[in-house]
């Protein structure tokens, strides 16, 4: 959960924040949900994290079947060199 998804993705892509994404070299945004309600966002994140991998994959593929990086265009105008293979 974050209040600034673009900033958070930049931090992940640049390996600025230690943790799961950095440890496993994760920098591709394949799914996200948007809400203005912080409590709802936290509850939804906890719900999804409790799911089995199979259910998480089905959720991603329901909106992004090719697993495209949904954040690629966000950084196109900046010189971040964030394109992943």
PDB file of N, CA and C in Angstrom:
ATOM      1  N   UNK A   1       0.834  -1.169   0.000  1.00  0.00           N
ATOM      2  CA  UNK A   1       0.000   0.000   0.000  1.00  0.00           C
ATOM      3  C   UNK A   1       0.888   1.245   0.000  1.00  0.00           C
ATOM      4  N   UNK A   2       0.512   2.216  -0.778  1.00  0.00           N
ATOM      5  CA  UNK A   2       1.271   3.455  -0.850  1.00  0.00           C
ATOM      6  C   UNK A   2       0.336   4.603  -1.231  1.00  0.00           C
ATOM      7  N   UNK A   3       0.727   5.803  -0.882  1.00  0.00           N
ATOM      8  CA  UNK A   3      -0.056   6.966  -1.311  1.00  0.00           C
ATOM      9  C   UNK A   3       0.545   7.591  -2.570  1.00  0.00           C
ATOM     10  N   UNK A   4       1.633   7.012  -3.086  1.00  0.00           N
ATOM     11  CA  UNK A   4       2.283   7.515  -4.297  1.00  0.00           C
ATOM     12  C   UNK A   4       2.881   6.327  -5.048  1.00  0.00           C
ATOM     13  N   UNK A   5       2.078   5.707  -5.897  1.00  0.00           N
ATOM     14  CA  UNK A   5       2.501   4.486  -6.581  1.00  0.00           C
ATOM     15  C   UNK A   5       3.683   4.717  -7.512  1.00  0.00           C
ATOM     16  N   UNK A   6       3.698   5.843  -8.198  1.00  0.00           N
ATOM     17  CA  UNK A   6       4.818   6.120  -9.107  1.00  0.00           C
ATOM     18  C   UNK A   6       6.141   6.209  -8.332  1.00  0.00           C
ATOM     19  N   UNK A   7       6.129   6.915  -7.216  1.00  0.00           N
ATOM     20  CA  UNK A   7       7.347   7.010  -6.391  1.00  0.00           C
ATOM     21  C   UNK A   7       7.766   5.633  -5.883  1.00  0.00           C
ATOM     22  N   UNK A   8       6.791   4.853  -5.430  1.00  0.00           N
ATOM     23  CA  UNK A   8       7.081   3.528  -4.893  1.00  0.00           C
ATOM     24  C   UNK A   8       7.687   2.621  -5.959  1.00  0.00           C
ATOM     25  N   UNK A   9       7.153   2.695  -7.174  1.00  0.00           N
ATOM     26  CA  UNK A   9       7.702   1.888  -8.268  1.00  0.00           C
ATOM     27  C   UNK A   9       9.119   2.319  -8.612  1.00  0.00           C
ATOM     28  N   UNK A  10       9.345   3.615  -8.619  1.00  0.00           N
ATOM     29  CA  UNK A  10      10.699   4.111  -8.873  1.00  0.00           C
ATOM     30  C   UNK A  10      11.671   3.554  -7.831  1.00  0.00           C
ATOM     31  N   UNK A  11      11.268   3.577  -6.577  1.00  0.00           N
ATOM     32  CA  UNK A  11      12.127   3.059  -5.508  1.00  0.00           C
ATOM     33  C   UNK A  11      12.412   1.576  -5.709  1.00  0.00           C
ATOM     34  N   UNK A  12      11.413   0.811  -6.092  1.00  0.00           N
ATOM     35  CA  UNK A  12      11.611  -0.620  -6.344  1.00  0.00           C
ATOM     36  C   UNK A  12      12.520  -0.847  -7.551  1.00  0.00           C
ATOM     37  N   UNK A  13      12.265  -0.107  -8.621  1.00  0.00           N
ATOM     38  CA  UNK A  13      13.055  -0.300  -9.831  1.00  0.00           C
ATOM     39  C   UNK A  13      14.517   0.112  -9.634  1.00  0.00           C
ATOM     40  N   UNK A  14      14.743   1.068  -8.752  1.00  0.00           N
ATOM     41  CA  UNK A  14      16.110   1.511  -8.472  1.00  0.00           C
ATOM     42  C   UNK A  14      16.738   0.754  -7.299  1.00  0.00           C
ATOM     43  N   UNK A  15      16.005  -0.185  -6.710  1.00  0.00           N
ATOM     44  CA  UNK A  15      16.482  -1.018  -5.587  1.00  0.00           C
ATOM     45  C   UNK A  15      16.858  -0.166  -4.378  1.00  0.00           C
ATOM     46  N   UNK A  16      16.089   0.890  -4.144  1.00  0.00           N
ATOM     47  CA  UNK A  16      16.346   1.824  -3.053  1.00  0.00           C
ATOM     48  C   UNK A  16      15.891   1.251  -1.708  1.00  0.00           C
ATOM     49  N   UNK A  17      14.780   0.515  -1.708  1.00  0.00           N
ATOM     50  CA  UNK A  17      14.173   0.016  -0.484  1.00  0.00           C
ATOM     51  C   UNK A  17      14.552  -1.452  -0.276  1.00  0.00           C
ATOM     52  N   UNK A  18      15.176  -1.772   0.855  1.00  0.00           N
ATOM     53  CA  UNK A  18      15.464  -3.188   1.123  1.00  0.00           C
ATOM     54  C   UNK A  18      14.163  -3.939   1.421  1.00  0.00           C
ATOM     55  N   UNK A  19      14.133  -5.203   1.089  1.00  0.00           N
ATOM     56  CA  UNK A  19      12.949  -5.994   1.368  1.00  0.00           C
ATOM     57  C   UNK A  19      12.691  -7.015   0.281  1.00  0.00           C
ATOM     58  N   UNK A  20      11.461  -7.481   0.226  1.00  0.00           N
ATOM     59  CA  UNK A  20      11.073  -8.565  -0.680  1.00  0.00           C
ATOM     60  C   UNK A  20      11.383  -8.246  -2.144  1.00  0.00           C
ATOM     61  N   UNK A  21      10.965  -7.078  -2.611  1.00  0.00           N
ATOM     62  CA  UNK A  21      11.159  -6.718  -4.023  1.00  0.00           C
ATOM     63  C   UNK A  21      12.643  -6.640  -4.382  1.00  0.00           C
ATOM     64  N   UNK A  22      13.443  -6.074  -3.512  1.00  0.00           N
ATOM     65  CA  UNK A  22      14.874  -5.972  -3.773  1.00  0.00           C
ATOM     66  C   UNK A  22      15.540  -7.348  -3.712  1.00  0.00           C
ATOM     67  N   UNK A  23      15.170  -8.134  -2.711  1.00  0.00           N
ATOM     68  CA  UNK A  23      15.768  -9.453  -2.514  1.00  0.00           C
ATOM     69  C   UNK A  23      15.525 -10.353  -3.716  1.00  0.00           C
ATOM     70  N   UNK A  24      14.328 -10.280  -4.296  1.00  0.00           N
ATOM     71  CA  UNK A  24      13.971 -11.151  -5.413  1.00  0.00           C
ATOM     72  C   UNK A  24      14.007 -10.440  -6.767  1.00  0.00           C
ATOM     73  N   UNK A  25      14.584  -9.258  -6.800  1.00  0.00           N
ATOM     74  CA  UNK A  25      14.775  -8.487  -8.029  1.00  0.00           C
ATOM     75  C   UNK A  25      13.446  -8.247  -8.766  1.00  0.00           C
ATOM     76  N   UNK A  26      12.439  -7.824  -8.008  1.00  0.00           N
ATOM     77  CA  UNK A  26      11.122  -7.558  -8.579  1.00  0.00           C
ATOM     78  C   UNK A  26      10.984  -6.077  -8.888  1.00  0.00           C
ATOM     79  N   UNK A  27      10.679  -5.762 -10.134  1.00  0.00           N
ATOM     80  CA  UNK A  27      10.534  -4.355 -10.503  1.00  0.00           C
ATOM     81  C   UNK A  27       9.424  -4.134 -11.514  1.00  0.00           C
ATOM     82  N   UNK A  28       8.635  -5.149 -11.767  1.00  0.00           N
ATOM     83  CA  UNK A  28       7.585  -5.085 -12.774  1.00  0.00           C
ATOM     84  C   UNK A  28       6.224  -4.966 -12.083  1.00  0.00           C
ATOM     85  N   UNK A  29       5.463  -3.944 -12.428  1.00  0.00           N
ATOM     86  CA  UNK A  29       4.122  -3.769 -11.891  1.00  0.00           C
ATOM     87  C   UNK A  29       3.141  -4.482 -12.815  1.00  0.00           C
ATOM     88  N   UNK A  30       2.532  -5.556 -12.330  1.00  0.00           N
ATOM     89  CA  UNK A  30       1.604  -6.324 -13.160  1.00  0.00           C
ATOM     90  C   UNK A  30       0.158  -6.180 -12.704  1.00  0.00           C
ATOM     91  N   UNK A  31      -0.060  -5.597 -11.518  1.00  0.00           N
ATOM     92  CA  UNK A  31      -1.418  -5.442 -11.003  1.00  0.00           C
ATOM     93  C   UNK A  31      -1.418  -4.363  -9.925  1.00  0.00           C
ATOM     94  N   UNK A  32      -2.473  -3.579  -9.899  1.00  0.00           N
ATOM     95  CA  UNK A  32      -2.668  -2.652  -8.789  1.00  0.00           C
ATOM     96  C   UNK A  32      -4.135  -2.273  -8.714  1.00  0.00           C
ATOM     97  N   UNK A  33      -4.539  -1.842  -7.552  1.00  0.00           N
ATOM     98  CA  UNK A  33      -5.882  -1.330  -7.330  1.00  0.00           C
ATOM     99  C   UNK A  33      -5.740   0.063  -6.743  1.00  0.00           C
ATOM    100  N   UNK A  34      -6.740   0.893  -6.994  1.00  0.00           N
ATOM    101  CA  UNK A  34      -6.705   2.275  -6.531  1.00  0.00           C
ATOM    102  C   UNK A  34      -7.902   2.543  -5.633  1.00  0.00           C
ATOM    103  N   UNK A  35      -7.653   3.156  -4.489  1.00  0.00           N
ATOM    104  CA  UNK A  35      -8.723   3.570  -3.596  1.00  0.00           C
ATOM    105  C   UNK A  35      -8.242   4.759  -2.773  1.00  0.00           C
ATOM    106  N   UNK A  36      -9.158   5.602  -2.383  1.00  0.00           N
ATOM    107  CA  UNK A  36      -8.813   6.745  -1.532  1.00  0.00           C
ATOM    108  C   UNK A  36      -8.949   6.398  -0.054  1.00  0.00           C
ATOM    109  N   UNK A  37      -9.502   5.231   0.245  1.00  0.00           N
ATOM    110  CA  UNK A  37      -9.756   4.808   1.616  1.00  0.00           C
ATOM    111  C   UNK A  37      -8.585   3.974   2.133  1.00  0.00           C
ATOM    112  N   UNK A  38      -7.798   4.524   3.033  1.00  0.00           N
ATOM    113  CA  UNK A  38      -6.593   3.857   3.539  1.00  0.00           C
ATOM    114  C   UNK A  38      -6.937   2.539   4.235  1.00  0.00           C
ATOM    115  N   UNK A  39      -7.965   2.541   5.046  1.00  0.00           N
ATOM    116  CA  UNK A  39      -8.343   1.308   5.751  1.00  0.00           C
ATOM    117  C   UNK A  39      -8.749   0.211   4.776  1.00  0.00           C
ATOM    118  N   UNK A  40      -9.464   0.602   3.740  1.00  0.00           N
ATOM    119  CA  UNK A  40      -9.870  -0.360   2.715  1.00  0.00           C
ATOM    120  C   UNK A  40      -8.642  -0.907   1.975  1.00  0.00           C
ATOM    121  N   UNK A  41      -7.684  -0.048   1.681  1.00  0.00           N
ATOM    122  CA  UNK A  41      -6.465  -0.471   0.990  1.00  0.00           C
ATOM    123  C   UNK A  41      -5.676  -1.468   1.829  1.00  0.00           C
ATOM    124  N   UNK A  42      -5.541  -1.186   3.111  1.00  0.00           N
ATOM    125  CA  UNK A  42      -4.805  -2.090   4.001  1.00  0.00           C
ATOM    126  C   UNK A  42      -5.519  -3.438   4.101  1.00  0.00           C
ATOM    127  N   UNK A  43      -6.833  -3.405   4.244  1.00  0.00           N
ATOM    128  CA  UNK A  43      -7.608  -4.645   4.340  1.00  0.00           C
ATOM    129  C   UNK A  43      -7.483  -5.467   3.059  1.00  0.00           C
ATOM    130  N   UNK A  44      -7.536  -4.798   1.914  1.00  0.00           N
ATOM    131  CA  UNK A  44      -7.435  -5.502   0.622  1.00  0.00           C
ATOM    132  C   UNK A  44      -6.041  -6.101   0.451  1.00  0.00           C
ATOM    133  N   UNK A  45      -5.010  -5.366   0.829  1.00  0.00           N
ATOM    134  CA  UNK A  45      -3.647  -5.892   0.729  1.00  0.00           C
ATOM    135  C   UNK A  45      -3.494  -7.130   1.599  1.00  0.00           C
ATOM    136  N   UNK A  46      -3.997  -7.082   2.813  1.00  0.00           N
ATOM    137  CA  UNK A  46      -3.927  -8.248   3.705  1.00  0.00           C
ATOM    138  C   UNK A  46      -4.701  -9.422   3.129  1.00  0.00           C
ATOM    139  N   UNK A  47      -5.856  -9.133   2.545  1.00  0.00           N
ATOM    140  CA  UNK A  47      -6.661 -10.192   1.947  1.00  0.00           C
ATOM    141  C   UNK A  47      -5.899 -10.892   0.825  1.00  0.00           C
ATOM    142  N   UNK A  48      -5.346 -10.108  -0.094  1.00  0.00           N
ATOM    143  CA  UNK A  48      -4.626 -10.687  -1.233  1.00  0.00           C
ATOM    144  C   UNK A  48      -3.385 -11.447  -0.765  1.00  0.00           C
ATOM    145  N   UNK A  49      -2.664 -10.899   0.200  1.00  0.00           N
ATOM    146  CA  UNK A  49      -1.470 -11.578   0.709  1.00  0.00           C
ATOM    147  C   UNK A  49      -1.794 -12.923   1.346  1.00  0.00           C
ATOM    148  N   UNK A  50      -3.013 -13.082   1.836  1.00  0.00           N
ATOM    149  CA  UNK A  50      -3.393 -14.344   2.474  1.00  0.00           C
ATOM    150  C   UNK A  50      -3.777 -15.427   1.461  1.00  0.00           C
ATOM    151  N   UNK A  51      -3.979 -15.031   0.210  1.00  0.00           N
ATOM    152  CA  UNK A  51      -4.401 -15.979  -0.814  1.00  0.00           C
ATOM    153  C   UNK A  51      -3.263 -16.907  -1.226  1.00  0.00           C
ATOM    154  N   UNK A  52      -3.632 -18.062  -1.767  1.00  0.00           N
ATOM    155  CA  UNK A  52      -2.649 -18.955  -2.379  1.00  0.00           C
ATOM    156  C   UNK A  52      -2.160 -18.328  -3.680  1.00  0.00           C
ATOM    157  N   UNK A  53      -0.966 -18.720  -4.083  1.00  0.00           N
ATOM    158  CA  UNK A  53      -0.351 -18.187  -5.308  1.00  0.00           C
ATOM    159  C   UNK A  53      -1.279 -18.331  -6.515  1.00  0.00           C
ATOM    160  N   UNK A  54      -1.951 -19.470  -6.632  1.00  0.00           N
ATOM    161  CA  UNK A  54      -2.841 -19.734  -7.771  1.00  0.00           C
ATOM    162  C   UNK A  54      -3.929 -18.671  -7.877  1.00  0.00           C
ATOM    163  N   UNK A  55      -4.502 -18.277  -6.761  1.00  0.00           N
ATOM    164  CA  UNK A  55      -5.554 -17.271  -6.762  1.00  0.00           C
ATOM    165  C   UNK A  55      -4.987 -15.890  -7.109  1.00  0.00           C
ATOM    166  N   UNK A  56      -3.782 -15.584  -6.650  1.00  0.00           N
ATOM    167  CA  UNK A  56      -3.143 -14.308  -6.983  1.00  0.00           C
ATOM    168  C   UNK A  56      -2.859 -14.235  -8.482  1.00  0.00           C
ATOM    169  N   UNK A  57      -2.390 -15.335  -9.046  1.00  0.00           N
ATOM    170  CA  UNK A  57      -2.114 -15.383 -10.484  1.00  0.00           C
ATOM    171  C   UNK A  57      -3.396 -15.171 -11.276  1.00  0.00           C
ATOM    172  N   UNK A  58      -4.485 -15.800 -10.843  1.00  0.00           N
ATOM    173  CA  UNK A  58      -5.773 -15.628 -11.527  1.00  0.00           C
ATOM    174  C   UNK A  58      -6.223 -14.166 -11.471  1.00  0.00           C
ATOM    175  N   UNK A  59      -6.009 -13.501 -10.347  1.00  0.00           N
ATOM    176  CA  UNK A  59      -6.365 -12.088 -10.226  1.00  0.00           C
ATOM    177  C   UNK A  59      -5.566 -11.237 -11.213  1.00  0.00           C
ATOM    178  N   UNK A  60      -4.271 -11.460 -11.274  1.00  0.00           N
ATOM    179  CA  UNK A  60      -3.417 -10.714 -12.207  1.00  0.00           C
ATOM    180  C   UNK A  60      -3.860 -10.969 -13.642  1.00  0.00           C
ATOM    181  N   UNK A  61      -4.038 -12.232 -13.983  1.00  0.00           N
ATOM    182  CA  UNK A  61      -4.361 -12.577 -15.363  1.00  0.00           C
ATOM    183  C   UNK A  61      -5.764 -12.168 -15.775  1.00  0.00           C
ATOM    184  N   UNK A  62      -6.630 -11.864 -14.815  1.00  0.00           N
ATOM    185  CA  UNK A  62      -7.971 -11.396 -15.155  1.00  0.00           C
ATOM    186  C   UNK A  62      -7.943  -9.994 -15.774  1.00  0.00           C
ATOM    187  N   UNK A  63      -6.910  -9.218 -15.476  1.00  0.00           N
ATOM    188  CA  UNK A  63      -6.799  -7.859 -16.030  1.00  0.00           C
ATOM    189  C   UNK A  63      -5.530  -7.653 -16.853  1.00  0.00           C
ATOM    190  N   UNK A  64      -4.550  -8.528 -16.696  1.00  0.00           N
ATOM    191  CA  UNK A  64      -3.268  -8.370 -17.376  1.00  0.00           C
ATOM    192  C   UNK A  64      -2.748  -9.751 -17.793  1.00  0.00           C
ATOM    193  N   UNK A  65      -3.406 -10.398 -18.761  1.00  0.00           N
ATOM    194  CA  UNK A  65      -3.048 -11.770 -19.123  1.00  0.00           C
ATOM    195  C   UNK A  65      -1.629 -11.957 -19.645  1.00  0.00           C
ATOM    196  N   UNK A  66      -1.030 -10.905 -20.193  1.00  0.00           N
ATOM    197  CA  UNK A  66       0.345 -11.012 -20.713  1.00  0.00           C
ATOM    198  C   UNK A  66       1.393 -10.643 -19.668  1.00  0.00           C
ATOM    199  N   UNK A  67       0.964 -10.256 -18.493  1.00  0.00           N
ATOM    200  CA  UNK A  67       1.858  -9.826 -17.413  1.00  0.00           C
ATOM    201  C   UNK A  67       2.747  -8.659 -17.868  1.00  0.00           C
ATOM    202  N   UNK A  68       2.148  -7.728 -18.605  1.00  0.00           N
ATOM    203  CA  UNK A  68       2.884  -6.537 -19.036  1.00  0.00           C
ATOM    204  C   UNK A  68       3.234  -5.677 -17.829  1.00  0.00           C
ATOM    205  N   UNK A  69       4.335  -4.950 -17.922  1.00  0.00           N
ATOM    206  CA  UNK A  69       4.700  -3.994 -16.870  1.00  0.00           C
ATOM    207  C   UNK A  69       3.834  -2.757 -17.058  1.00  0.00           C
ATOM    208  N   UNK A  70       2.905  -2.561 -16.163  1.00  0.00           N
ATOM    209  CA  UNK A  70       1.945  -1.467 -16.268  1.00  0.00           C
ATOM    210  C   UNK A  70       2.565  -0.101 -15.985  1.00  0.00           C
ATOM    211  N   UNK A  71       3.791  -0.086 -15.514  1.00  0.00           N
ATOM    212  CA  UNK A  71       4.430   1.186 -15.151  1.00  0.00           C
ATOM    213  C   UNK A  71       5.444   1.681 -16.179  1.00  0.00           C
ATOM    214  N   UNK A  72       5.646   0.977 -17.252  1.00  0.00           N
ATOM    215  CA  UNK A  72       6.687   1.379 -18.216  1.00  0.00           C
ATOM    216  C   UNK A  72       6.506   2.799 -18.728  1.00  0.00           C
ATOM    217  N   UNK A  73       5.298   3.168 -19.080  1.00  0.00           N
ATOM    218  CA  UNK A  73       5.046   4.509 -19.626  1.00  0.00           C
ATOM    219  C   UNK A  73       5.173   5.610 -18.579  1.00  0.00           C
ATOM    220  N   UNK A  74       5.105   5.260 -17.320  1.00  0.00           N
ATOM    221  CA  UNK A  74       5.177   6.261 -16.257  1.00  0.00           C
ATOM    222  C   UNK A  74       6.528   6.946 -16.222  1.00  0.00           C
ATOM    223  N   UNK A  75       7.563   6.255 -16.644  1.00  0.00           N
ATOM    224  CA  UNK A  75       8.921   6.772 -16.519  1.00  0.00           C
ATOM    225  C   UNK A  75       9.542   7.097 -17.868  1.00  0.00           C
ATOM    226  N   UNK A  76       8.767   7.015 -18.930  1.00  0.00           N
ATOM    227  CA  UNK A  76       9.297   7.198 -20.284  1.00  0.00           C
ATOM    228  C   UNK A  76       9.944   8.564 -20.487  1.00  0.00           C
ATOM    229  N   UNK A  77       9.397   9.598 -19.860  1.00  0.00           N
ATOM    230  CA  UNK A  77       9.925  10.945 -20.067  1.00  0.00           C
ATOM    231  C   UNK A  77      11.095  11.264 -19.139  1.00  0.00           C
ATOM    232  N   UNK A  78      11.386  10.372 -18.236  1.00  0.00           N
ATOM    233  CA  UNK A  78      12.490  10.602 -17.296  1.00  0.00           C
ATOM    234  C   UNK A  78      13.699   9.781 -17.712  1.00  0.00           C
ATOM    235  N   UNK A  79      14.842  10.151 -17.238  1.00  0.00           N
ATOM    236  CA  UNK A  79      16.077   9.444 -17.562  1.00  0.00           C
ATOM    237  C   UNK A  79      16.409   8.465 -16.437  1.00  0.00           C
ATOM    238  N   UNK A  80      15.506   7.537 -16.168  1.00  0.00           N
ATOM    239  CA  UNK A  80      15.702   6.582 -15.084  1.00  0.00           C
ATOM    240  C   UNK A  80      16.286   5.267 -15.570  1.00  0.00           C
ATOM    241  N   UNK A  81      16.264   5.027 -16.860  1.00  0.00           N
ATOM    242  CA  UNK A  81      16.706   3.747 -17.433  1.00  0.00           C
ATOM    243  C   UNK A  81      16.025   2.588 -16.718  1.00  0.00           C
ATOM    244  N   UNK A  82      14.704   2.569 -16.714  1.00  0.00           N
ATOM    245  CA  UNK A  82      13.959   1.590 -15.949  1.00  0.00           C
ATOM    246  C   UNK A  82      13.398   0.453 -16.804  1.00  0.00           C
ATOM    247  N   UNK A  83      13.683   0.442 -18.055  1.00  0.00           N
ATOM    248  CA  UNK A  83      13.133  -0.634 -18.897  1.00  0.00           C
ATOM    249  C   UNK A  83      13.696  -1.975 -18.443  1.00  0.00           C
ATOM    250  N   UNK A  84      12.821  -2.919 -18.154  1.00  0.00           N
ATOM    251  CA  UNK A  84      13.263  -4.246 -17.744  1.00  0.00           C
ATOM    252  C   UNK A  84      13.180  -5.194 -18.920  1.00  0.00           C
ATOM    253  N   UNK A  85      13.902  -6.274 -18.825  1.00  0.00           N
ATOM    254  CA  UNK A  85      13.922  -7.241 -19.935  1.00  0.00           C
ATOM    255  C   UNK A  85      12.640  -7.989 -20.012  1.00  0.00           C
TER     256      UNK A  85
END
